[in-house]
mmCIF file of all heavy atoms, coordinates in Angstrom:
data_MODEL
# 
_entry.id   MODEL 
# 
loop_
_atom_site.group_PDB 
_atom_site.id 
_atom_site.type_symbol 
_atom_site.label_atom_id 
_atom_site.label_alt_id 
_atom_site.label_comp_id 
_atom_site.label_asym_id 
_atom_site.label_entity_id 
_atom_site.label_seq_id 
_atom_site.pdbx_PDB_ins_code 
_atom_site.Cartn_x 
_atom_site.Cartn_y 
_atom_site.Cartn_z 
_atom_site.occupancy 
_atom_site.B_iso_or_equiv 
_atom_site.pdbx_formal_charge 
_atom_site.auth_seq_id 
_atom_site.auth_comp_id 
_atom_site.auth_asym_id 
_atom_site.auth_atom_id 
_atom_site.pdbx_PDB_model_num 
ATOM 1   N N   . ARG A 1 1  ? 0.824   -1.211  0.000   1.00 0.00 ? 1  ARG A N   1 
ATOM 2   C CA  . ARG A 1 1  ? 0.000   0.000   0.000   1.00 0.00 ? 1  ARG A CA  1 
ATOM 3   C C   . ARG A 1 1  ? 0.854   1.254   0.000   1.00 0.00 ? 1  ARG A C   1 
ATOM 4   O O   . ARG A 1 1  ? 1.999   1.238   0.439   1.00 0.00 ? 1  ARG A O   1 
ATOM 5   C CB  . ARG A 1 1  ? -0.942  0.009   1.218   1.00 0.00 ? 1  ARG A CB  1 
ATOM 6   C CG  . ARG A 1 1  ? -1.973  -1.110  1.195   1.00 0.00 ? 1  ARG A CG  1 
ATOM 7   C CD  . ARG A 1 1  ? -2.911  -1.021  2.370   1.00 0.00 ? 1  ARG A CD  1 
ATOM 8   N NE  . ARG A 1 1  ? -3.961  -2.024  2.297   1.00 0.00 ? 1  ARG A NE  1 
ATOM 9   C CZ  . ARG A 1 1  ? -5.101  -1.861  1.642   1.00 0.00 ? 1  ARG A CZ  1 
ATOM 10  N NH1 . ARG A 1 1  ? -5.335  -0.707  1.027   1.00 0.00 ? 1  ARG A NH1 1 
ATOM 11  N NH2 . ARG A 1 1  ? -5.997  -2.819  1.600   1.00 0.00 ? 1  ARG A NH2 1 
ATOM 12  N N   . THR A 1 2  ? 0.254   2.323   -0.502  1.00 0.00 ? 2  THR A N   1 
ATOM 13  C CA  . THR A 1 2  ? 0.889   3.632   -0.475  1.00 0.00 ? 2  THR A CA  1 
ATOM 14  C C   . THR A 1 2  ? -0.034  4.592   0.260   1.00 0.00 ? 2  THR A C   1 
ATOM 15  O O   . THR A 1 2  ? -1.269  4.459   0.167   1.00 0.00 ? 2  THR A O   1 
ATOM 16  C CB  . THR A 1 2  ? 1.159   4.141   -1.902  1.00 0.00 ? 2  THR A CB  1 
ATOM 17  O OG1 . THR A 1 2  ? 1.921   5.359   -1.851  1.00 0.00 ? 2  THR A OG1 1 
ATOM 18  C CG2 . THR A 1 2  ? -0.124  4.383   -2.671  1.00 0.00 ? 2  THR A CG2 1 
ATOM 19  N N   . PRO A 1 3  ? 0.492   5.532   1.030   1.00 0.00 ? 3  PRO A N   1 
ATOM 20  C CA  . PRO A 1 3  ? -0.377  6.446   1.784   1.00 0.00 ? 3  PRO A CA  1 
ATOM 21  C C   . PRO A 1 3  ? -1.262  7.274   0.853   1.00 0.00 ? 3  PRO A C   1 
ATOM 22  O O   . PRO A 1 3  ? -0.883  7.600   -0.273  1.00 0.00 ? 3  PRO A O   1 
ATOM 23  C CB  . PRO A 1 3  ? 0.614   7.327   2.549   1.00 0.00 ? 3  PRO A CB  1 
ATOM 24  C CG  . PRO A 1 3  ? 1.881   6.539   2.595   1.00 0.00 ? 3  PRO A CG  1 
ATOM 25  C CD  . PRO A 1 3  ? 1.917   5.748   1.321   1.00 0.00 ? 3  PRO A CD  1 
ATOM 26  N N   . GLY A 1 4  ? -2.434  7.610   1.348   1.00 0.00 ? 4  GLY A N   1 
ATOM 27  C CA  . GLY A 1 4  ? -3.352  8.437   0.579   1.00 0.00 ? 4  GLY A CA  1 
ATOM 28  C C   . GLY A 1 4  ? -4.727  7.819   0.477   1.00 0.00 ? 4  GLY A C   1 
ATOM 29  O O   . GLY A 1 4  ? -4.910  6.618   0.677   1.00 0.00 ? 4  GLY A O   1 
ATOM 30  N N   . ARG A 1 5  ? -5.679  8.669   0.182   1.00 0.00 ? 5  ARG A N   1 
ATOM 31  C CA  . ARG A 1 5  ? -7.053  8.217   0.030   1.00 0.00 ? 5  ARG A CA  1 
ATOM 32  C C   . ARG A 1 5  ? -7.363  7.985   -1.441  1.00 0.00 ? 5  ARG A C   1 
ATOM 33  O O   . ARG A 1 5  ? -6.751  8.578   -2.315  1.00 0.00 ? 5  ARG A O   1 
ATOM 34  C CB  . ARG A 1 5  ? -8.027  9.238   0.624   1.00 0.00 ? 5  ARG A CB  1 
ATOM 35  C CG  . ARG A 1 5  ? -7.869  9.418   2.132   1.00 0.00 ? 5  ARG A CG  1 
ATOM 36  C CD  . ARG A 1 5  ? -8.884  10.409  2.668   1.00 0.00 ? 5  ARG A CD  1 
ATOM 37  N NE  . ARG A 1 5  ? -8.759  10.554  4.113   1.00 0.00 ? 5  ARG A NE  1 
ATOM 38  C CZ  . ARG A 1 5  ? -9.360  9.777   4.984   1.00 0.00 ? 5  ARG A CZ  1 
ATOM 39  N NH1 . ARG A 1 5  ? -10.137 8.798   4.560   1.00 0.00 ? 5  ARG A NH1 1 
ATOM 40  N NH2 . ARG A 1 5  ? -9.195  9.965   6.282   1.00 0.00 ? 5  ARG A NH2 1 
ATOM 41  N N   . GLY A 1 6  ? -8.351  7.131   -1.655  1.00 0.00 ? 6  GLY A N   1 
ATOM 42  C CA  . GLY A 1 6  ? -8.753  6.849   -3.015  1.00 0.00 ? 6  GLY A CA  1 
ATOM 43  C C   . GLY A 1 6  ? -8.913  5.366   -3.241  1.00 0.00 ? 6  GLY A C   1 
ATOM 44  O O   . GLY A 1 6  ? -8.624  4.549   -2.356  1.00 0.00 ? 6  GLY A O   1 
ATOM 45  N N   . PRO A 1 7  ? -9.371  4.997   -4.413  1.00 0.00 ? 7  PRO A N   1 
ATOM 46  C CA  . PRO A 1 7  ? -9.591  3.569   -4.694  1.00 0.00 ? 7  PRO A CA  1 
ATOM 47  C C   . PRO A 1 7  ? -8.283  2.820   -4.837  1.00 0.00 ? 7  PRO A C   1 
ATOM 48  O O   . PRO A 1 7  ? -7.248  3.390   -5.205  1.00 0.00 ? 7  PRO A O   1 
ATOM 49  C CB  . PRO A 1 7  ? -10.368 3.593   -6.026  1.00 0.00 ? 7  PRO A CB  1 
ATOM 50  C CG  . PRO A 1 7  ? -9.932  4.874   -6.677  1.00 0.00 ? 7  PRO A CG  1 
ATOM 51  C CD  . PRO A 1 7  ? -9.721  5.852   -5.558  1.00 0.00 ? 7  PRO A CD  1 
ATOM 52  N N   . ASP A 1 8  ? -8.338  1.533   -4.531  1.00 0.00 ? 8  ASP A N   1 
ATOM 53  C CA  . ASP A 1 8  ? -7.167  0.673   -4.723  1.00 0.00 ? 8  ASP A CA  1 
ATOM 54  C C   . ASP A 1 8  ? -6.877  0.522   -6.212  1.00 0.00 ? 8  ASP A C   1 
ATOM 55  O O   . ASP A 1 8  ? -7.790  0.286   -7.015  1.00 0.00 ? 8  ASP A O   1 
ATOM 56  C CB  . ASP A 1 8  ? -7.403  -0.701  -4.109  1.00 0.00 ? 8  ASP A CB  1 
ATOM 57  C CG  . ASP A 1 8  ? -7.463  -0.667  -2.586  1.00 0.00 ? 8  ASP A CG  1 
ATOM 58  O OD1 . ASP A 1 8  ? -6.935  0.298   -2.013  1.00 0.00 ? 8  ASP A OD1 1 
ATOM 59  O OD2 . ASP A 1 8  ? -8.040  -1.600  -2.003  1.00 0.00 ? 8  ASP A OD2 1 
ATOM 60  N N   . LEU A 1 9  ? -5.594  0.648   -6.567  1.00 0.00 ? 9  LEU A N   1 
ATOM 61  C CA  . LEU A 1 9  ? -5.193  0.384   -7.945  1.00 0.00 ? 9  LEU A CA  1 
ATOM 62  C C   . LEU A 1 9  ? -5.154  -1.108  -8.223  1.00 0.00 ? 9  LEU A C   1 
ATOM 63  O O   . LEU A 1 9  ? -5.257  -1.525  -9.376  1.00 0.00 ? 9  LEU A O   1 
ATOM 64  C CB  . LEU A 1 9  ? -3.818  1.013   -8.225  1.00 0.00 ? 9  LEU A CB  1 
ATOM 65  C CG  . LEU A 1 9  ? -3.722  2.528   -8.035  1.00 0.00 ? 9  LEU A CG  1 
ATOM 66  C CD1 . LEU A 1 9  ? -2.325  3.012   -8.395  1.00 0.00 ? 9  LEU A CD1 1 
ATOM 67  C CD2 . LEU A 1 9  ? -4.772  3.255   -8.876  1.00 0.00 ? 9  LEU A CD2 1 
ATOM 68  N N   . VAL A 1 10 ? -4.979  -1.915  -7.169  1.00 0.00 ? 10 VAL A N   1 
ATOM 69  C CA  . VAL A 1 10 ? -4.998  -3.371  -7.271  1.00 0.00 ? 10 VAL A CA  1 
ATOM 70  C C   . VAL A 1 10 ? -6.190  -3.862  -6.459  1.00 0.00 ? 10 VAL A C   1 
ATOM 71  O O   . VAL A 1 10 ? -6.210  -3.738  -5.233  1.00 0.00 ? 10 VAL A O   1 
ATOM 72  C CB  . VAL A 1 10 ? -3.690  -3.986  -6.736  1.00 0.00 ? 10 VAL A CB  1 
ATOM 73  C CG1 . VAL A 1 10 ? -3.764  -5.504  -6.747  1.00 0.00 ? 10 VAL A CG1 1 
ATOM 74  C CG2 . VAL A 1 10 ? -2.504  -3.502  -7.563  1.00 0.00 ? 10 VAL A CG2 1 
ATOM 75  N N   . THR A 1 11 ? -7.176  -4.398  -7.138  1.00 0.00 ? 11 THR A N   1 
ATOM 76  C CA  . THR A 1 11 ? -8.415  -4.784  -6.455  1.00 0.00 ? 11 THR A CA  1 
ATOM 77  C C   . THR A 1 11 ? -8.301  -6.126  -5.744  1.00 0.00 ? 11 THR A C   1 
ATOM 78  O O   . THR A 1 11 ? -8.917  -6.332  -4.702  1.00 0.00 ? 11 THR A O   1 
ATOM 79  C CB  . THR A 1 11 ? -9.571  -4.835  -7.466  1.00 0.00 ? 11 THR A CB  1 
ATOM 80  O OG1 . THR A 1 11 ? -9.218  -5.715  -8.541  1.00 0.00 ? 11 THR A OG1 1 
ATOM 81  C CG2 . THR A 1 11 ? -9.847  -3.441  -8.032  1.00 0.00 ? 11 THR A CG2 1 
ATOM 82  N N   . HIS A 1 12 ? -7.523  -7.044  -6.277  1.00 0.00 ? 12 HIS A N   1 
ATOM 83  C CA  . HIS A 1 12 ? -7.386  -8.379  -5.691  1.00 0.00 ? 12 HIS A CA  1 
ATOM 84  C C   . HIS A 1 12 ? -5.943  -8.590  -5.242  1.00 0.00 ? 12 HIS A C   1 
ATOM 85  O O   . HIS A 1 12 ? -5.017  -8.489  -6.052  1.00 0.00 ? 12 HIS A O   1 
ATOM 86  C CB  . HIS A 1 12 ? -7.793  -9.456  -6.688  1.00 0.00 ? 12 HIS A CB  1 
ATOM 87  C CG  . HIS A 1 12 ? -9.217  -9.333  -7.149  1.00 0.00 ? 12 HIS A CG  1 
ATOM 88  N ND1 . HIS A 1 12 ? -10.292 -9.601  -6.334  1.00 0.00 ? 12 HIS A ND1 1 
ATOM 89  C CD2 . HIS A 1 12 ? -9.737  -8.949  -8.350  1.00 0.00 ? 12 HIS A CD2 1 
ATOM 90  C CE1 . HIS A 1 12 ? -11.415 -9.407  -7.005  1.00 0.00 ? 12 HIS A CE1 1 
ATOM 91  N NE2 . HIS A 1 12 ? -11.111 -9.005  -8.224  1.00 0.00 ? 12 HIS A NE2 1 
ATOM 92  N N   . ASN A 1 13 ? -5.767  -8.913  -3.962  1.00 0.00 ? 13 ASN A N   1 
ATOM 93  C CA  . ASN A 1 13 ? -4.424  -9.069  -3.410  1.00 0.00 ? 13 ASN A CA  1 
ATOM 94  C C   . ASN A 1 13 ? -3.766  -10.384 -3.826  1.00 0.00 ? 13 ASN A C   1 
ATOM 95  O O   . ASN A 1 13 ? -2.542  -10.492 -3.877  1.00 0.00 ? 13 ASN A O   1 
ATOM 96  C CB  . ASN A 1 13 ? -4.475  -8.991  -1.882  1.00 0.00 ? 13 ASN A CB  1 
ATOM 97  C CG  . ASN A 1 13 ? -3.108  -8.856  -1.259  1.00 0.00 ? 13 ASN A CG  1 
ATOM 98  O OD1 . ASN A 1 13 ? -2.242  -8.149  -1.775  1.00 0.00 ? 13 ASN A OD1 1 
ATOM 99  N ND2 . ASN A 1 13 ? -2.896  -9.529  -0.146  1.00 0.00 ? 13 ASN A ND2 1 
ATOM 100 N N   . ARG A 1 14 ? -4.552  -11.418 -4.111  1.00 0.00 ? 14 ARG A N   1 
ATOM 101 C CA  . ARG A 1 14 ? -4.058  -12.741 -4.519  1.00 0.00 ? 14 ARG A CA  1 
ATOM 102 C C   . ARG A 1 14 ? -3.076  -13.316 -3.488  1.00 0.00 ? 14 ARG A C   1 
ATOM 103 O O   . ARG A 1 14 ? -2.018  -13.841 -3.835  1.00 0.00 ? 14 ARG A O   1 
ATOM 104 C CB  . ARG A 1 14 ? -3.396  -12.688 -5.899  1.00 0.00 ? 14 ARG A CB  1 
ATOM 105 C CG  . ARG A 1 14 ? -4.295  -12.192 -7.017  1.00 0.00 ? 14 ARG A CG  1 
ATOM 106 C CD  . ARG A 1 14 ? -3.688  -12.471 -8.372  1.00 0.00 ? 14 ARG A CD  1 
ATOM 107 N NE  . ARG A 1 14 ? -2.423  -11.791 -8.547  1.00 0.00 ? 14 ARG A NE  1 
ATOM 108 C CZ  . ARG A 1 14 ? -1.555  -12.077 -9.520  1.00 0.00 ? 14 ARG A CZ  1 
ATOM 109 N NH1 . ARG A 1 14 ? -1.814  -13.037 -10.386 1.00 0.00 ? 14 ARG A NH1 1 
ATOM 110 N NH2 . ARG A 1 14 ? -0.425  -11.413 -9.626  1.00 0.00 ? 14 ARG A NH2 1 
ATOM 111 N N   . GLY A 1 15 ? -3.447  -13.208 -2.220  1.00 0.00 ? 15 GLY A N   1 
ATOM 112 C CA  . GLY A 1 15 ? -2.570  -13.713 -1.166  1.00 0.00 ? 15 GLY A CA  1 
ATOM 113 C C   . GLY A 1 15 ? -2.328  -15.204 -1.260  1.00 0.00 ? 15 GLY A C   1 
ATOM 114 O O   . GLY A 1 15 ? -1.234  -15.688 -0.944  1.00 0.00 ? 15 GLY A O   1 
ATOM 115 N N   . TRP A 1 16 ? -3.330  -15.953 -1.686  1.00 0.00 ? 16 TRP A N   1 
ATOM 116 C CA  . TRP A 1 16 ? -3.178  -17.406 -1.806  1.00 0.00 ? 16 TRP A CA  1 
ATOM 117 C C   . TRP A 1 16 ? -2.075  -17.767 -2.781  1.00 0.00 ? 16 TRP A C   1 
ATOM 118 O O   . TRP A 1 16 ? -1.318  -18.719 -2.559  1.00 0.00 ? 16 TRP A O   1 
ATOM 119 C CB  . TRP A 1 16 ? -4.494  -18.026 -2.260  1.00 0.00 ? 16 TRP A CB  1 
ATOM 120 C CG  . TRP A 1 16 ? -4.948  -17.551 -3.617  1.00 0.00 ? 16 TRP A CG  1 
ATOM 121 C CD1 . TRP A 1 16 ? -5.715  -16.451 -3.894  1.00 0.00 ? 16 TRP A CD1 1 
ATOM 122 C CD2 . TRP A 1 16 ? -4.637  -18.165 -4.870  1.00 0.00 ? 16 TRP A CD2 1 
ATOM 123 N NE1 . TRP A 1 16 ? -5.903  -16.337 -5.248  1.00 0.00 ? 16 TRP A NE1 1 
ATOM 124 C CE2 . TRP A 1 16 ? -5.262  -17.370 -5.874  1.00 0.00 ? 16 TRP A CE2 1 
ATOM 125 C CE3 . TRP A 1 16 ? -3.908  -19.287 -5.242  1.00 0.00 ? 16 TRP A CE3 1 
ATOM 126 C CZ2 . TRP A 1 16 ? -5.165  -17.676 -7.225  1.00 0.00 ? 16 TRP A CZ2 1 
ATOM 127 C CZ3 . TRP A 1 16 ? -3.808  -19.595 -6.592  1.00 0.00 ? 16 TRP A CZ3 1 
ATOM 128 C CH2 . TRP A 1 16 ? -4.435  -18.796 -7.572  1.00 0.00 ? 16 TRP A CH2 1 
ATOM 129 N N   . LEU A 1 17 ? -1.932  -16.974 -3.865  1.00 0.00 ? 17 LEU A N   1 
ATOM 130 C CA  . LEU A 1 17 ? -0.901  -17.262 -4.859  1.00 0.00 ? 17 LEU A CA  1 
ATOM 131 C C   . LEU A 1 17 ? 0.484   -16.948 -4.311  1.00 0.00 ? 17 LEU A C   1 
ATOM 132 O O   . LEU A 1 17 ? 1.463   -17.643 -4.620  1.00 0.00 ? 17 LEU A O   1 
ATOM 133 C CB  . LEU A 1 17 ? -1.172  -16.455 -6.131  1.00 0.00 ? 17 LEU A CB  1 
ATOM 134 C CG  . LEU A 1 17 ? -0.286  -16.752 -7.335  1.00 0.00 ? 17 LEU A CG  1 
ATOM 135 C CD1 . LEU A 1 17 ? -0.336  -18.229 -7.707  1.00 0.00 ? 17 LEU A CD1 1 
ATOM 136 C CD2 . LEU A 1 17 ? -0.698  -15.886 -8.528  1.00 0.00 ? 17 LEU A CD2 1 
ATOM 137 N N   . ALA A 1 18 ? 0.569   -15.911 -3.486  1.00 0.00 ? 18 ALA A N   1 
ATOM 138 C CA  . ALA A 1 18 ? 1.850   -15.586 -2.859  1.00 0.00 ? 18 ALA A CA  1 
ATOM 139 C C   . ALA A 1 18 ? 2.304   -16.719 -1.948  1.00 0.00 ? 18 ALA A C   1 
ATOM 140 O O   . ALA A 1 18 ? 3.482   -17.104 -1.945  1.00 0.00 ? 18 ALA A O   1 
ATOM 141 C CB  . ALA A 1 18 ? 1.727   -14.280 -2.077  1.00 0.00 ? 18 ALA A CB  1 
ATOM 142 N N   . TRP A 1 19 ? 1.370   -17.278 -1.166  1.00 0.00 ? 19 TRP A N   1 
ATOM 143 C CA  . TRP A 1 19 ? 1.722   -18.396 -0.289  1.00 0.00 ? 19 TRP A CA  1 
ATOM 144 C C   . TRP A 1 19 ? 2.141   -19.619 -1.097  1.00 0.00 ? 19 TRP A C   1 
ATOM 145 O O   . TRP A 1 19 ? 3.070   -20.335 -0.707  1.00 0.00 ? 19 TRP A O   1 
ATOM 146 C CB  . TRP A 1 19 ? 0.544   -18.734 0.623   1.00 0.00 ? 19 TRP A CB  1 
ATOM 147 C CG  . TRP A 1 19 ? 0.434   -17.826 1.806   1.00 0.00 ? 19 TRP A CG  1 
ATOM 148 C CD1 . TRP A 1 19 ? -0.537  -16.903 2.060   1.00 0.00 ? 19 TRP A CD1 1 
ATOM 149 C CD2 . TRP A 1 19 ? 1.353   -17.741 2.901   1.00 0.00 ? 19 TRP A CD2 1 
ATOM 150 N NE1 . TRP A 1 19 ? -0.286  -16.258 3.240   1.00 0.00 ? 19 TRP A NE1 1 
ATOM 151 C CE2 . TRP A 1 19 ? 0.862   -16.743 3.783   1.00 0.00 ? 19 TRP A CE2 1 
ATOM 152 C CE3 . TRP A 1 19 ? 2.528   -18.406 3.221   1.00 0.00 ? 19 TRP A CE3 1 
ATOM 153 C CZ2 . TRP A 1 19 ? 1.525   -16.405 4.960   1.00 0.00 ? 19 TRP A CZ2 1 
ATOM 154 C CZ3 . TRP A 1 19 ? 3.187   -18.068 4.405   1.00 0.00 ? 19 TRP A CZ3 1 
ATOM 155 C CH2 . TRP A 1 19 ? 2.683   -17.083 5.253   1.00 0.00 ? 19 TRP A CH2 1 
ATOM 156 N N   . LEU A 1 20 ? 1.470   -19.886 -2.200  1.00 0.00 ? 20 LEU A N   1 
ATOM 157 C CA  . LEU A 1 20 ? 1.859   -21.011 -3.047  1.00 0.00 ? 20 LEU A CA  1 
ATOM 158 C C   . LEU A 1 20 ? 3.274   -20.823 -3.587  1.00 0.00 ? 20 LEU A C   1 
ATOM 159 O O   . LEU A 1 20 ? 4.056   -21.783 -3.657  1.00 0.00 ? 20 LEU A O   1 
ATOM 160 C CB  . LEU A 1 20 ? 0.871   -21.159 -4.209  1.00 0.00 ? 20 LEU A CB  1 
ATOM 161 C CG  . LEU A 1 20 ? -0.473  -21.817 -3.900  1.00 0.00 ? 20 LEU A CG  1 
ATOM 162 C CD1 . LEU A 1 20 ? -1.325  -21.886 -5.158  1.00 0.00 ? 20 LEU A CD1 1 
ATOM 163 C CD2 . LEU A 1 20 ? -0.260  -23.217 -3.326  1.00 0.00 ? 20 LEU A CD2 1 
ATOM 164 N N   . LEU A 1 21 ? 3.611   -19.590 -3.974  1.00 0.00 ? 21 LEU A N   1 
ATOM 165 C CA  . LEU A 1 21 ? 4.944   -19.316 -4.491  1.00 0.00 ? 21 LEU A CA  1 
ATOM 166 C C   . LEU A 1 21 ? 6.001   -19.535 -3.418  1.00 0.00 ? 21 LEU A C   1 
ATOM 167 O O   . LEU A 1 21 ? 7.041   -20.163 -3.660  1.00 0.00 ? 21 LEU A O   1 
ATOM 168 C CB  . LEU A 1 21 ? 4.999   -17.881 -5.021  1.00 0.00 ? 21 LEU A CB  1 
ATOM 169 C CG  . LEU A 1 21 ? 6.298   -17.448 -5.700  1.00 0.00 ? 21 LEU A CG  1 
ATOM 170 C CD1 . LEU A 1 21 ? 6.561   -18.297 -6.940  1.00 0.00 ? 21 LEU A CD1 1 
ATOM 171 C CD2 . LEU A 1 21 ? 6.235   -15.972 -6.075  1.00 0.00 ? 21 LEU A CD2 1 
ATOM 172 N N   . VAL A 1 22 ? 5.750   -19.030 -2.219  1.00 0.00 ? 22 VAL A N   1 
ATOM 173 C CA  . VAL A 1 22 ? 6.702   -19.200 -1.121  1.00 0.00 ? 22 VAL A CA  1 
ATOM 174 C C   . VAL A 1 22 ? 6.855   -20.678 -0.765  1.00 0.00 ? 22 VAL A C   1 
ATOM 175 O O   . VAL A 1 22 ? 7.976   -21.178 -0.573  1.00 0.00 ? 22 VAL A O   1 
ATOM 176 C CB  . VAL A 1 22 ? 6.251   -18.386 0.105   1.00 0.00 ? 22 VAL A CB  1 
ATOM 177 C CG1 . VAL A 1 22 ? 7.120   -18.701 1.312   1.00 0.00 ? 22 VAL A CG1 1 
ATOM 178 C CG2 . VAL A 1 22 ? 6.305   -16.891 -0.201  1.00 0.00 ? 22 VAL A CG2 1 
ATOM 179 N N   . LEU A 1 23 ? 5.737   -21.395 -0.681  1.00 0.00 ? 23 LEU A N   1 
ATOM 180 C CA  . LEU A 1 23 ? 5.797   -22.818 -0.333  1.00 0.00 ? 23 LEU A CA  1 
ATOM 181 C C   . LEU A 1 23 ? 6.507   -23.631 -1.408  1.00 0.00 ? 23 LEU A C   1 
ATOM 182 O O   . LEU A 1 23 ? 7.222   -24.596 -1.097  1.00 0.00 ? 23 LEU A O   1 
ATOM 183 C CB  . LEU A 1 23 ? 4.384   -23.355 -0.110  1.00 0.00 ? 23 LEU A CB  1 
ATOM 184 C CG  . LEU A 1 23 ? 3.665   -22.853 1.143   1.00 0.00 ? 23 LEU A CG  1 
ATOM 185 C CD1 . LEU A 1 23 ? 2.233   -23.370 1.182   1.00 0.00 ? 23 LEU A CD1 1 
ATOM 186 C CD2 . LEU A 1 23 ? 4.421   -23.253 2.395   1.00 0.00 ? 23 LEU A CD2 1 
ATOM 187 N N   . ALA A 1 24 ? 6.341   -23.248 -2.660  1.00 0.00 ? 24 ALA A N   1 
ATOM 188 C CA  . ALA A 1 24 ? 7.030   -23.957 -3.742  1.00 0.00 ? 24 ALA A CA  1 
ATOM 189 C C   . ALA A 1 24 ? 8.540   -23.786 -3.631  1.00 0.00 ? 24 ALA A C   1 
ATOM 190 O O   . ALA A 1 24 ? 9.304   -24.748 -3.807  1.00 0.00 ? 24 ALA A O   1 
ATOM 191 C CB  . ALA A 1 24 ? 6.537   -23.443 -5.098  1.00 0.00 ? 24 ALA A CB  1 
ATOM 192 N N   . VAL A 1 25 ? 8.993   -22.582 -3.312  1.00 0.00 ? 25 VAL A N   1 
ATOM 193 C CA  . VAL A 1 25 ? 10.423  -22.341 -3.149  1.00 0.00 ? 25 VAL A CA  1 
ATOM 194 C C   . VAL A 1 25 ? 10.958  -23.110 -1.945  1.00 0.00 ? 25 VAL A C   1 
ATOM 195 O O   . VAL A 1 25 ? 12.018  -23.757 -2.017  1.00 0.00 ? 25 VAL A O   1 
ATOM 196 C CB  . VAL A 1 25 ? 10.698  -20.831 -3.000  1.00 0.00 ? 25 VAL A CB  1 
ATOM 197 C CG1 . VAL A 1 25 ? 12.154  -20.582 -2.602  1.00 0.00 ? 25 VAL A CG1 1 
ATOM 198 C CG2 . VAL A 1 25 ? 10.382  -20.106 -4.305  1.00 0.00 ? 25 VAL A CG2 1 
ATOM 199 N N   . LEU A 1 26 ? 10.237  -23.070 -0.825  1.00 0.00 ? 26 LEU A N   1 
ATOM 200 C CA  . LEU A 1 26 ? 10.680  -23.792 0.364   1.00 0.00 ? 26 LEU A CA  1 
ATOM 201 C C   . LEU A 1 26 ? 10.706  -25.297 0.127   1.00 0.00 ? 26 LEU A C   1 
ATOM 202 O O   . LEU A 1 26 ? 11.608  -25.995 0.605   1.00 0.00 ? 26 LEU A O   1 
ATOM 203 C CB  . LEU A 1 26 ? 9.771   -23.457 1.543   1.00 0.00 ? 26 LEU A CB  1 
ATOM 204 C CG  . LEU A 1 26 ? 9.824   -22.009 2.055   1.00 0.00 ? 26 LEU A CG  1 
ATOM 205 C CD1 . LEU A 1 26 ? 8.832   -21.814 3.190   1.00 0.00 ? 26 LEU A CD1 1 
ATOM 206 C CD2 . LEU A 1 26 ? 11.237  -21.634 2.496   1.00 0.00 ? 26 LEU A CD2 1 
ATOM 207 N N   . ALA A 1 27 ? 9.723   -25.807 -0.614  1.00 0.00 ? 27 ALA A N   1 
ATOM 208 C CA  . ALA A 1 27 ? 9.699   -27.236 -0.920  1.00 0.00 ? 27 ALA A CA  1 
ATOM 209 C C   . ALA A 1 27 ? 10.880  -27.625 -1.797  1.00 0.00 ? 27 ALA A C   1 
ATOM 210 O O   . ALA A 1 27 ? 11.491  -28.692 -1.602  1.00 0.00 ? 27 ALA A O   1 
ATOM 211 C CB  . ALA A 1 27 ? 8.382   -27.593 -1.610  1.00 0.00 ? 27 ALA A CB  1 
ATOM 212 N N   . TYR A 1 28 ? 11.222  -26.777 -2.743  1.00 0.00 ? 28 TYR A N   1 
ATOM 213 C CA  . TYR A 1 28 ? 12.381  -27.060 -3.592  1.00 0.00 ? 28 TYR A CA  1 
ATOM 214 C C   . TYR A 1 28 ? 13.669  -27.065 -2.784  1.00 0.00 ? 28 TYR A C   1 
ATOM 215 O O   . TYR A 1 28 ? 14.514  -27.952 -2.938  1.00 0.00 ? 28 TYR A O   1 
ATOM 216 C CB  . TYR A 1 28 ? 12.469  -26.038 -4.720  1.00 0.00 ? 28 TYR A CB  1 
ATOM 217 C CG  . TYR A 1 28 ? 13.777  -26.079 -5.470  1.00 0.00 ? 28 TYR A CG  1 
ATOM 218 C CD1 . TYR A 1 28 ? 14.126  -27.203 -6.227  1.00 0.00 ? 28 TYR A CD1 1 
ATOM 219 C CD2 . TYR A 1 28 ? 14.682  -25.015 -5.405  1.00 0.00 ? 28 TYR A CD2 1 
ATOM 220 C CE1 . TYR A 1 28 ? 15.333  -27.255 -6.904  1.00 0.00 ? 28 TYR A CE1 1 
ATOM 221 C CE2 . TYR A 1 28 ? 15.875  -25.058 -6.080  1.00 0.00 ? 28 TYR A CE2 1 
ATOM 222 C CZ  . TYR A 1 28 ? 16.201  -26.172 -6.820  1.00 0.00 ? 28 TYR A CZ  1 
ATOM 223 O OH  . TYR A 1 28 ? 17.401  -26.233 -7.475  1.00 0.00 ? 28 TYR A OH  1 
ATOM 224 N N   . TRP A 1 29 ? 13.814  -26.085 -1.902  1.00 0.00 ? 29 TRP A N   1 
ATOM 225 C CA  . TRP A 1 29 ? 15.005  -26.045 -1.052  1.00 0.00 ? 29 TRP A CA  1 
ATOM 226 C C   . TRP A 1 29 ? 15.067  -27.279 -0.159  1.00 0.00 ? 29 TRP A C   1 
ATOM 227 O O   . TRP A 1 29 ? 16.159  -27.842 0.049   1.00 0.00 ? 29 TRP A O   1 
ATOM 228 C CB  . TRP A 1 29 ? 14.994  -24.781 -0.197  1.00 0.00 ? 29 TRP A CB  1 
ATOM 229 C CG  . TRP A 1 29 ? 15.285  -23.536 -0.970  1.00 0.00 ? 29 TRP A CG  1 
ATOM 230 C CD1 . TRP A 1 29 ? 15.707  -23.452 -2.264  1.00 0.00 ? 29 TRP A CD1 1 
ATOM 231 C CD2 . TRP A 1 29 ? 15.160  -22.184 -0.496  1.00 0.00 ? 29 TRP A CD2 1 
ATOM 232 N NE1 . TRP A 1 29 ? 15.865  -22.131 -2.641  1.00 0.00 ? 29 TRP A NE1 1 
ATOM 233 C CE2 . TRP A 1 29 ? 15.535  -21.337 -1.578  1.00 0.00 ? 29 TRP A CE2 1 
ATOM 234 C CE3 . TRP A 1 29 ? 14.767  -21.619 0.706   1.00 0.00 ? 29 TRP A CE3 1 
ATOM 235 C CZ2 . TRP A 1 29 ? 15.527  -19.951 -1.454  1.00 0.00 ? 29 TRP A CZ2 1 
ATOM 236 C CZ3 . TRP A 1 29 ? 14.762  -20.238 0.823   1.00 0.00 ? 29 TRP A CZ3 1 
ATOM 237 C CH2 . TRP A 1 29 ? 15.144  -19.419 -0.239  1.00 0.00 ? 29 TRP A CH2 1 
# 
């Protein structure tokens, strides 16, 4: 996020995909 008021430029955070990416890297290691 960036300070300020107004609508989000990114509507969907896609947190589930971030966790999948992190878990994939950890599994490979």
